[in-house]
Amino acid sequence: MSDKNIQLKGITWNHSRGFTSIVACAQRFSELNPDVEITWEKRSLQAFADEPIDKLAERYDFLIIDHPWTGFAARTHVIVPLSDFLSKEFIDDQAANSVGKSFESYNFSGKQWALPIDAATPVAASRPDLFEKEGLELPKTWDDLVELSKTGKVSIPGIPQDTLMSFYMVCSNLGEDVCVSDDKVISDEVGIKALQMLRDLGKNIKRENYDFNPIKVYEKMTLSDEYLYSPFAYGYTNYSRRGYARKLLKFHDMVEINGTGLISTLGGTGLAVSAQCKHQDMAIKFVDYVGCPETQKGIFFANGGQPGHRAAWLDEQNNAETMDFFKDTLPALDRSFLRPRYHGHMYFQDRAGAPIREYMMNGGDEVKLLADLNELYKKSKEIK
């Protein structure tokens, strides 16, 4: 039994980026506040994306969440609106120093439902040693990427969640955002073109990749010499740090379509407080501590974190330790697409990726696929 007067519990996801970073912050916070003990549990990356936050909020004081849950949170109030408790100066600083739309992604109905302590979007990654050995150059355009993929040495995250994000990305580069109209995910013209482009790439990708999430892509790229390039997977600065993996990865901005770098789909994570937390004042104090620029640049980053505060991305020391991960991928973060967050969107997100994945692997009827996606979309809009 702990002798601490206040005990709080949080749930995060199972990777050094998501776990050791927040655990280190909790340890230091307890040293600064001796009456407080904060313990953290972890779940898989897929559970992080899928598991409803209302159930988690019944069991945990802190939740690390994905921003598509923001609309649900605003409707159900299962987490507290942090903007009602954090100071205006703090909130203003967070907004001014957002990495891309990270801060905005947790804002809904005029309230801030989570703090973006972690920022990410799909970016490119390479094995510089293998490019040199093979005498190859980094691709600059989508056509270059498709050509490189014919070597069999290009890896993508091909699980349904990630193929859906890739579909959003290509649609954005073709000039349309998804889920804007009431009855169609995207126009037929853009949707068909985006699917065909993904298939041009997908048919050259080894089948094992369609069971990979971004972590598995990076583990495969560093544990073996089978793949030398990943064109778009949610970035993980850990793999650019000395001592973390067998081989270092160099992270880059992505290839261009029609003269514009890929507009990938914003990810990252937010720190939220359960509405059922019995020590909300102390919980808010911890949120303030984790999100402040000194913590983000310092202990959070030093223990595997990928900060959400812009000061940490511009920090010279952090870039020196990561082969300029932050500076080189910041442009991709700043132009990234903020995916839909309406109340029922998780219904669509959970179901729309599988048929796109199947099409990328095996081809098919683009018109029928879009019609099926539209039906899913309409159902998701009807959820109350």
Protein backbone atom coordinates (compact mmCIF):
# COMPACT_ATOMS: atom_id res chain seq x y z
CA MET A 1 0.00 0.00 0.00
CA SER A 2 1.34 3.42 -0.89
CA ASP A 3 1.80 6.06 1.81
CA LYS A 4 0.92 8.79 -0.72
CA ASN A 5 -2.21 10.80 0.11
CA ILE A 6 -3.24 11.23 -3.53
CA GLN A 7 -3.08 8.32 -5.96
CA LEU A 8 -3.86 8.82 -9.63
CA LYS A 9 -3.84 6.34 -12.50
CA GLY A 10 -3.41 6.85 -16.23
CA ILE A 11 -3.67 4.79 -19.43
CA THR A 12 -1.39 5.29 -22.43
CA TRP A 13 -0.11 3.17 -25.36
CA ASN A 14 2.59 0.58 -25.55
CA HIS A 15 5.66 2.22 -27.05
CA SER A 16 8.55 4.16 -25.55
CA ARG A 17 7.18 7.29 -27.23
CA GLY A 18 3.89 6.89 -25.38
CA PHE A 19 4.92 5.18 -22.15
CA THR A 20 8.41 5.97 -20.83
CA SER A 21 7.97 9.68 -21.60
CA ILE A 22 4.84 10.10 -19.48
CA VAL A 23 6.10 7.75 -16.76
CA ALA A 24 9.24 9.89 -16.40
CA CYS A 25 7.09 13.01 -16.10
CA ALA A 26 4.94 11.31 -13.46
CA GLN A 27 8.02 10.28 -11.48
CA ARG A 28 9.45 13.78 -11.50
CA PHE A 29 6.07 15.31 -10.66
CA SER A 30 5.84 13.03 -7.62
CA GLU A 31 9.29 14.13 -6.51
CA LEU A 32 8.11 17.73 -6.72
CA ASN A 33 4.76 16.87 -5.07
CA PRO A 34 5.60 14.20 -2.46
CA ASP A 35 1.98 13.50 -1.52
CA VAL A 36 1.12 12.40 -5.06
CA GLU A 37 1.67 9.07 -6.79
CA ILE A 38 0.76 8.63 -10.46
CA THR A 39 0.92 5.17 -12.02
CA TRP A 40 0.56 4.47 -15.73
CA GLU A 41 -0.71 1.40 -17.57
CA LYS A 42 -0.38 0.76 -21.31
CA ARG A 43 -2.42 -0.79 -24.11
CA SER A 44 -1.65 -1.69 -27.71
CA LEU A 45 -1.51 0.94 -30.43
CA GLN A 46 -4.64 -0.52 -32.04
CA ALA A 47 -6.55 -0.46 -28.75
CA PHE A 48 -5.44 3.14 -28.36
CA ALA A 49 -7.12 3.99 -31.65
CA ASP A 50 -10.23 1.84 -31.11
CA GLU A 51 -11.24 1.55 -27.45
CA PRO A 52 -14.06 3.95 -26.48
CA ILE A 53 -12.85 6.61 -24.09
CA ASP A 54 -16.04 6.56 -22.01
CA LYS A 55 -15.12 3.10 -20.71
CA LEU A 56 -11.54 4.15 -19.99
CA ALA A 57 -12.73 7.27 -18.15
CA GLU A 58 -14.54 5.03 -15.67
CA ARG A 59 -11.26 3.35 -14.68
CA TYR A 60 -8.53 5.97 -15.11
CA ASP A 61 -7.88 9.55 -14.01
CA PHE A 62 -5.70 10.35 -17.03
CA LEU A 63 -6.26 9.23 -20.60
CA ILE A 64 -3.91 9.57 -23.54
CA ILE A 65 -6.35 9.91 -26.43
CA ASP A 66 -6.53 10.22 -30.21
CA HIS A 67 -8.09 13.47 -31.46
CA PRO A 68 -10.94 11.91 -33.50
CA TRP A 69 -12.51 11.21 -30.08
CA THR A 70 -12.83 14.96 -29.44
CA GLY A 71 -16.35 15.31 -30.83
CA PHE A 72 -17.48 12.34 -28.76
CA ALA A 73 -15.87 13.88 -25.67
CA ALA A 74 -17.60 17.21 -26.25
CA ARG A 75 -20.96 15.47 -26.62
CA THR A 76 -20.67 13.11 -23.63
CA HIS A 77 -18.45 15.12 -21.23
CA VAL A 78 -16.66 11.95 -20.09
CA ILE A 79 -13.47 14.04 -19.82
CA VAL A 80 -13.17 17.55 -18.41
CA PRO A 81 -12.76 20.66 -20.59
CA LEU A 82 -9.21 21.66 -19.68
CA SER A 83 -9.80 25.23 -20.84
CA ASP A 84 -12.13 25.67 -17.84
CA PHE A 85 -9.25 24.94 -15.44
CA LEU A 86 -5.91 25.84 -17.03
CA SER A 87 -4.90 29.50 -17.04
CA LYS A 88 -5.60 31.65 -20.09
CA GLU A 89 -1.87 32.39 -20.38
CA PHE A 90 -1.09 28.68 -20.51
CA ILE A 91 -3.80 27.95 -23.08
CA ASP A 92 -2.70 30.91 -25.22
CA ASP A 93 0.90 29.69 -25.15
CA GLN A 94 -0.17 26.20 -26.18
CA ALA A 95 -2.22 27.57 -29.08
CA ALA A 96 0.59 29.87 -30.24
CA ASN A 97 3.14 27.04 -30.10
CA SER A 98 1.08 24.28 -31.65
CA VAL A 99 2.82 21.90 -34.05
CA GLY A 100 0.54 22.11 -37.05
CA LYS A 101 -3.10 21.78 -36.01
CA SER A 102 -2.27 19.65 -32.95
CA PHE A 103 -3.78 22.11 -30.47
CA GLU A 104 -6.84 22.73 -32.62
CA SER A 105 -7.43 18.98 -32.99
CA TYR A 106 -8.55 18.71 -29.35
CA ASN A 107 -10.72 21.84 -29.46
CA PHE A 108 -14.43 21.35 -30.00
CA SER A 109 -17.53 23.42 -29.19
CA GLY A 110 -15.29 26.21 -27.94
CA LYS A 111 -13.55 24.02 -25.31
CA GLN A 112 -10.13 22.36 -25.10
CA TRP A 113 -10.71 18.68 -24.24
CA ALA A 114 -7.11 17.44 -24.18
CA LEU A 115 -3.60 18.88 -24.31
CA PRO A 116 -1.48 17.90 -27.35
CA ILE A 117 1.58 16.62 -25.51
CA ASP A 118 2.65 14.57 -28.55
CA ALA A 119 2.66 15.60 -32.23
CA ALA A 120 2.88 13.34 -35.27
CA THR A 121 1.88 12.89 -38.89
CA PRO A 122 3.01 10.44 -41.57
CA VAL A 123 6.48 11.35 -42.84
CA ALA A 124 9.16 9.60 -44.88
CA ALA A 125 11.98 7.50 -43.41
CA SER A 126 15.06 5.99 -44.99
CA ARG A 127 18.06 3.84 -44.27
CA PRO A 128 20.89 6.12 -45.53
CA ASP A 129 23.39 3.26 -45.40
CA LEU A 130 21.28 1.10 -47.73
CA PHE A 131 20.61 3.94 -50.18
CA GLU A 132 24.36 4.48 -50.42
CA LYS A 133 25.05 0.77 -50.80
CA GLU A 134 22.43 0.41 -53.57
CA GLY A 135 23.45 3.65 -55.31
CA LEU A 136 19.88 4.96 -55.17
CA GLU A 137 18.48 8.44 -54.65
CA LEU A 138 15.55 9.47 -52.48
CA PRO A 139 12.33 9.77 -54.48
CA LYS A 140 11.07 13.30 -55.04
CA THR A 141 7.67 12.71 -56.69
CA TRP A 142 4.88 10.13 -56.47
CA ASP A 143 6.04 8.66 -59.79
CA ASP A 144 9.57 8.34 -58.36
CA LEU A 145 8.10 6.54 -55.35
CA VAL A 146 6.15 4.07 -57.51
CA GLU A 147 9.33 3.38 -59.48
CA LEU A 148 11.34 2.79 -56.30
CA SER A 149 8.62 0.47 -54.98
CA LYS A 150 9.28 -1.88 -57.90
CA THR A 151 12.51 -2.88 -56.13
CA GLY A 152 10.43 -4.50 -53.38
CA LYS A 153 12.36 -2.48 -50.81
CA VAL A 154 9.64 0.06 -49.91
CA SER A 155 7.60 -0.51 -46.75
CA ILE A 156 4.27 1.04 -45.82
CA PRO A 157 1.92 0.61 -42.86
CA GLY A 158 -0.88 -1.36 -44.53
CA ILE A 159 -3.37 -2.11 -41.77
CA PRO A 160 -6.87 -0.69 -42.34
CA GLN A 161 -6.42 2.36 -40.09
CA ASP A 162 -3.31 3.46 -41.96
CA THR A 163 -4.59 2.76 -45.47
CA LEU A 164 -7.59 4.98 -44.68
CA MET A 165 -5.24 7.77 -43.57
CA SER A 166 -3.30 7.30 -46.82
CA PHE A 167 -6.54 7.66 -48.80
CA TYR A 168 -7.33 10.89 -46.97
CA MET A 169 -3.80 12.07 -47.78
CA VAL A 170 -3.92 11.49 -51.52
CA CYS A 171 -7.39 13.05 -51.78
CA SER A 172 -6.05 16.16 -50.04
CA ASN A 173 -3.18 16.38 -52.52
CA LEU A 174 -5.63 16.07 -55.41
CA GLY A 175 -7.42 19.14 -54.11
CA GLU A 176 -10.30 17.89 -51.95
CA ASP A 177 -10.71 17.18 -48.24
CA VAL A 178 -12.76 14.14 -47.25
CA CYS A 179 -16.09 14.09 -45.40
CA VAL A 180 -17.03 17.67 -46.27
CA SER A 181 -20.40 17.02 -47.96
CA ASP A 182 -23.38 15.41 -46.21
CA ASP A 183 -23.65 12.29 -48.35
CA LYS A 184 -20.28 11.66 -50.02
CA VAL A 185 -16.85 10.96 -48.57
CA ILE A 186 -15.22 12.52 -51.63
CA SER A 187 -16.18 13.34 -55.22
CA ASP A 188 -16.13 10.37 -57.58
CA GLU A 189 -13.48 11.98 -59.76
CA VAL A 190 -10.99 12.58 -56.96
CA GLY A 191 -11.86 9.37 -55.10
CA ILE A 192 -11.28 7.16 -58.14
CA LYS A 193 -8.00 8.90 -58.98
CA ALA A 194 -6.76 8.59 -55.36
CA LEU A 195 -7.60 4.89 -55.24
CA GLN A 196 -5.85 4.23 -58.54
CA MET A 197 -2.72 6.02 -57.36
CA LEU A 198 -2.68 3.99 -54.15
CA ARG A 199 -3.11 0.79 -56.16
CA ASP A 200 -0.19 1.75 -58.45
CA LEU A 201 1.96 1.77 -55.33
CA GLY A 202 0.21 -0.99 -53.42
CA LYS A 203 0.69 -3.68 -56.05
CA ASN A 204 4.48 -3.38 -55.62
CA ILE A 205 4.40 -3.67 -51.81
CA LYS A 206 5.19 -7.01 -50.21
CA ARG A 207 2.13 -8.64 -48.64
CA GLU A 208 3.54 -8.68 -45.11
CA ASN A 209 3.29 -4.89 -45.07
CA TYR A 210 -0.49 -5.08 -45.02
CA ASP A 211 -0.21 -6.37 -41.46
CA PHE A 212 2.18 -3.57 -40.42
CA ASN A 213 1.36 -0.53 -38.34
CA PRO A 214 4.01 2.27 -38.30
CA ILE A 215 5.88 0.69 -35.37
CA LYS A 216 6.18 -2.61 -37.24
CA VAL A 217 7.42 -0.75 -40.33
CA TYR A 218 10.20 0.91 -38.35
CA GLU A 219 11.11 -2.25 -36.43
CA LYS A 220 11.39 -4.16 -39.71
CA MET A 221 13.47 -1.39 -41.29
CA THR A 222 15.89 -1.32 -38.36
CA LEU A 223 16.02 -5.01 -37.39
CA SER A 224 16.62 -6.19 -40.97
CA ASP A 225 18.07 -4.79 -44.20
CA GLU A 226 15.03 -5.82 -46.25
CA TYR A 227 13.55 -2.33 -46.64
CA LEU A 228 15.32 0.96 -47.29
CA TYR A 229 12.44 3.45 -47.53
CA SER A 230 9.05 4.19 -46.05
CA PRO A 231 7.17 6.98 -47.89
CA PHE A 232 4.50 7.79 -45.29
CA ALA A 233 4.11 6.37 -41.81
CA TYR A 234 3.46 8.23 -38.57
CA GLY A 235 6.89 9.45 -37.50
CA TYR A 236 8.67 8.05 -34.45
CA THR A 237 11.70 10.06 -33.42
CA ASN A 238 12.91 7.14 -31.28
CA TYR A 239 14.28 5.37 -34.36
CA SER A 240 16.52 8.33 -35.19
CA ARG A 241 18.22 8.27 -31.77
CA ARG A 242 21.53 6.56 -31.14
CA GLY A 243 21.19 3.37 -29.13
CA TYR A 244 17.46 2.80 -29.61
CA ALA A 245 17.50 0.42 -32.59
CA ARG A 246 19.99 -1.73 -34.49
CA LYS A 247 20.23 0.83 -37.31
CA LEU A 248 19.32 4.51 -37.37
CA LEU A 249 16.54 5.85 -39.56
CA LYS A 250 16.73 9.27 -41.16
CA PHE A 251 13.33 10.99 -41.29
CA HIS A 252 12.39 13.32 -44.14
CA ASP A 253 9.58 15.32 -45.64
CA MET A 254 7.58 13.35 -48.20
CA VAL A 255 7.35 13.11 -51.98
CA GLU A 256 5.29 15.57 -54.04
CA ILE A 257 2.06 15.23 -55.97
CA ASN A 258 1.42 18.06 -58.44
CA GLY A 259 4.30 20.05 -56.97
CA THR A 260 3.12 19.88 -53.33
CA GLY A 261 4.52 17.63 -50.62
CA LEU A 262 2.11 14.98 -49.42
CA ILE A 263 -0.58 16.40 -47.15
CA SER A 264 -0.66 13.58 -44.63
CA THR A 265 -3.28 13.08 -41.91
CA LEU A 266 -2.46 14.56 -38.52
CA GLY A 267 -1.93 12.14 -35.63
CA GLY A 268 -0.34 12.67 -32.25
CA THR A 269 -1.86 12.20 -28.81
CA GLY A 270 -3.54 14.31 -26.18
CA LEU A 271 -3.52 14.20 -22.39
CA ALA A 272 -7.05 14.27 -20.94
CA VAL A 273 -8.53 14.12 -17.43
CA SER A 274 -11.51 11.92 -16.62
CA ALA A 275 -14.66 13.66 -15.42
CA GLN A 276 -14.74 11.01 -12.67
CA CYS A 277 -11.29 11.91 -11.30
CA LYS A 278 -11.60 12.56 -7.56
CA HIS A 279 -8.51 14.80 -7.44
CA GLN A 280 -9.09 17.07 -10.41
CA ASP A 281 -7.08 20.00 -9.03
CA MET A 282 -3.94 17.86 -8.78
CA ALA A 283 -4.66 16.21 -12.12
CA ILE A 284 -4.86 19.62 -13.79
CA LYS A 285 -1.58 20.58 -12.12
CA PHE A 286 0.04 17.51 -13.71
CA VAL A 287 -1.35 18.42 -17.15
CA ASP A 288 0.14 21.89 -16.74
CA TYR A 289 3.50 20.36 -15.78
CA VAL A 290 3.65 17.91 -18.71
CA GLY A 291 2.59 20.50 -21.29
CA CYS A 292 4.88 23.35 -20.30
CA PRO A 293 7.75 24.02 -22.74
CA GLU A 294 10.48 23.22 -20.21
CA THR A 295 9.09 19.73 -19.57
CA GLN A 296 8.36 19.12 -23.25
CA LYS A 297 11.88 20.14 -24.33
CA GLY A 298 13.46 18.36 -21.38
CA ILE A 299 12.34 15.31 -19.44
CA PHE A 300 9.50 14.39 -21.82
CA PHE A 301 11.75 14.34 -24.88
CA ALA A 302 14.73 12.85 -23.03
CA ASN A 303 12.68 9.79 -22.09
CA GLY A 304 11.45 8.90 -25.56
CA GLY A 305 8.68 11.44 -26.06
CA GLN A 306 7.76 13.23 -29.27
CA PRO A 307 6.66 16.59 -27.90
CA GLY A 308 3.61 18.61 -28.86
CA HIS A 309 5.06 22.01 -28.00
CA ARG A 310 6.75 23.82 -30.89
CA ALA A 311 9.67 24.99 -28.73
CA ALA A 312 10.75 21.35 -28.41
CA TRP A 313 10.66 20.90 -32.19
CA LEU A 314 12.88 23.94 -32.74
CA ASP A 315 15.30 23.06 -29.95
CA GLU A 316 18.86 22.66 -31.25
CA GLN A 317 19.82 19.95 -28.77
CA ASN A 318 16.75 17.83 -29.51
CA ASN A 319 17.50 18.05 -33.23
CA ALA A 320 21.16 17.21 -32.71
CA GLU A 321 20.13 14.01 -30.92
CA THR A 322 17.68 12.93 -33.63
CA MET A 323 19.45 13.63 -36.94
CA ASP A 324 17.24 16.74 -37.30
CA PHE A 325 14.04 14.71 -37.08
CA PHE A 326 12.06 17.69 -35.84
CA LYS A 327 13.34 20.38 -38.23
CA ASP A 328 13.14 18.12 -41.27
CA THR A 329 9.60 16.85 -40.67
CA LEU A 330 8.06 20.04 -39.23
CA PRO A 331 6.89 21.23 -42.69
CA ALA A 332 4.87 18.02 -43.04
CA LEU A 333 3.27 18.61 -39.63
CA ASP A 334 2.43 22.20 -40.46
CA ARG A 335 0.54 21.34 -43.66
CA SER A 336 -1.08 18.12 -42.37
CA PHE A 337 -4.80 17.47 -42.71
CA LEU A 338 -7.05 17.54 -39.65
CA ARG A 339 -9.35 14.57 -40.09
CA PRO A 340 -13.06 14.70 -39.23
CA ARG A 341 -14.01 14.73 -35.54
CA TYR A 342 -17.82 14.78 -35.65
CA HIS A 343 -19.59 12.62 -33.07
CA GLY A 344 -20.05 9.53 -35.26
CA HIS A 345 -16.81 9.59 -37.22
CA MET A 346 -15.21 6.74 -35.28
CA TYR A 347 -17.92 4.43 -36.72
CA PHE A 348 -16.70 5.34 -40.21
CA GLN A 349 -13.00 5.27 -39.32
CA ASP A 350 -13.29 1.79 -37.80
CA ARG A 351 -14.89 0.32 -40.96
CA ALA A 352 -13.66 2.26 -43.98
CA GLY A 353 -10.02 1.19 -44.00
CA ALA A 354 -10.48 -2.55 -44.66
CA PRO A 355 -11.96 -2.22 -48.17
CA ILE A 356 -9.28 0.31 -49.16
CA ARG A 357 -6.61 -2.08 -47.88
CA GLU A 358 -8.14 -4.90 -49.92
CA TYR A 359 -8.16 -2.70 -53.02
CA MET A 360 -4.53 -1.63 -52.54
CA MET A 361 -3.53 -5.30 -52.37
CA ASN A 362 -5.72 -6.81 -55.06
CA GLY A 363 -7.35 -4.05 -57.10
CA GLY A 364 -11.08 -3.98 -57.84
CA ASP A 365 -14.00 -1.77 -58.76
CA GLU A 366 -13.31 1.79 -57.62
CA VAL A 367 -16.87 2.97 -58.25
CA LYS A 368 -18.38 0.23 -56.07
CA LEU A 369 -15.77 0.82 -53.36
CA LEU A 370 -16.61 4.52 -53.21
CA ALA A 371 -20.32 3.72 -53.08
CA ASP A 372 -19.71 1.41 -50.12
CA LEU A 373 -17.67 4.09 -48.37
CA ASN A 374 -20.47 6.59 -48.93
CA GLU A 375 -22.98 4.24 -47.30
CA LEU A 376 -20.72 3.88 -44.25
CA TYR A 377 -20.31 7.63 -44.14
CA LYS A 378 -24.05 8.31 -44.20
CA LYS A 379 -24.60 5.81 -41.40
CA SER A 380 -21.90 7.49 -39.32
CA LYS A 381 -23.58 10.87 -39.76
CA GLU A 382 -26.83 9.47 -38.38
CA ILE A 383 -25.28 8.42 -35.04
CA LYS A 384 -26.63 10.53 -32.20
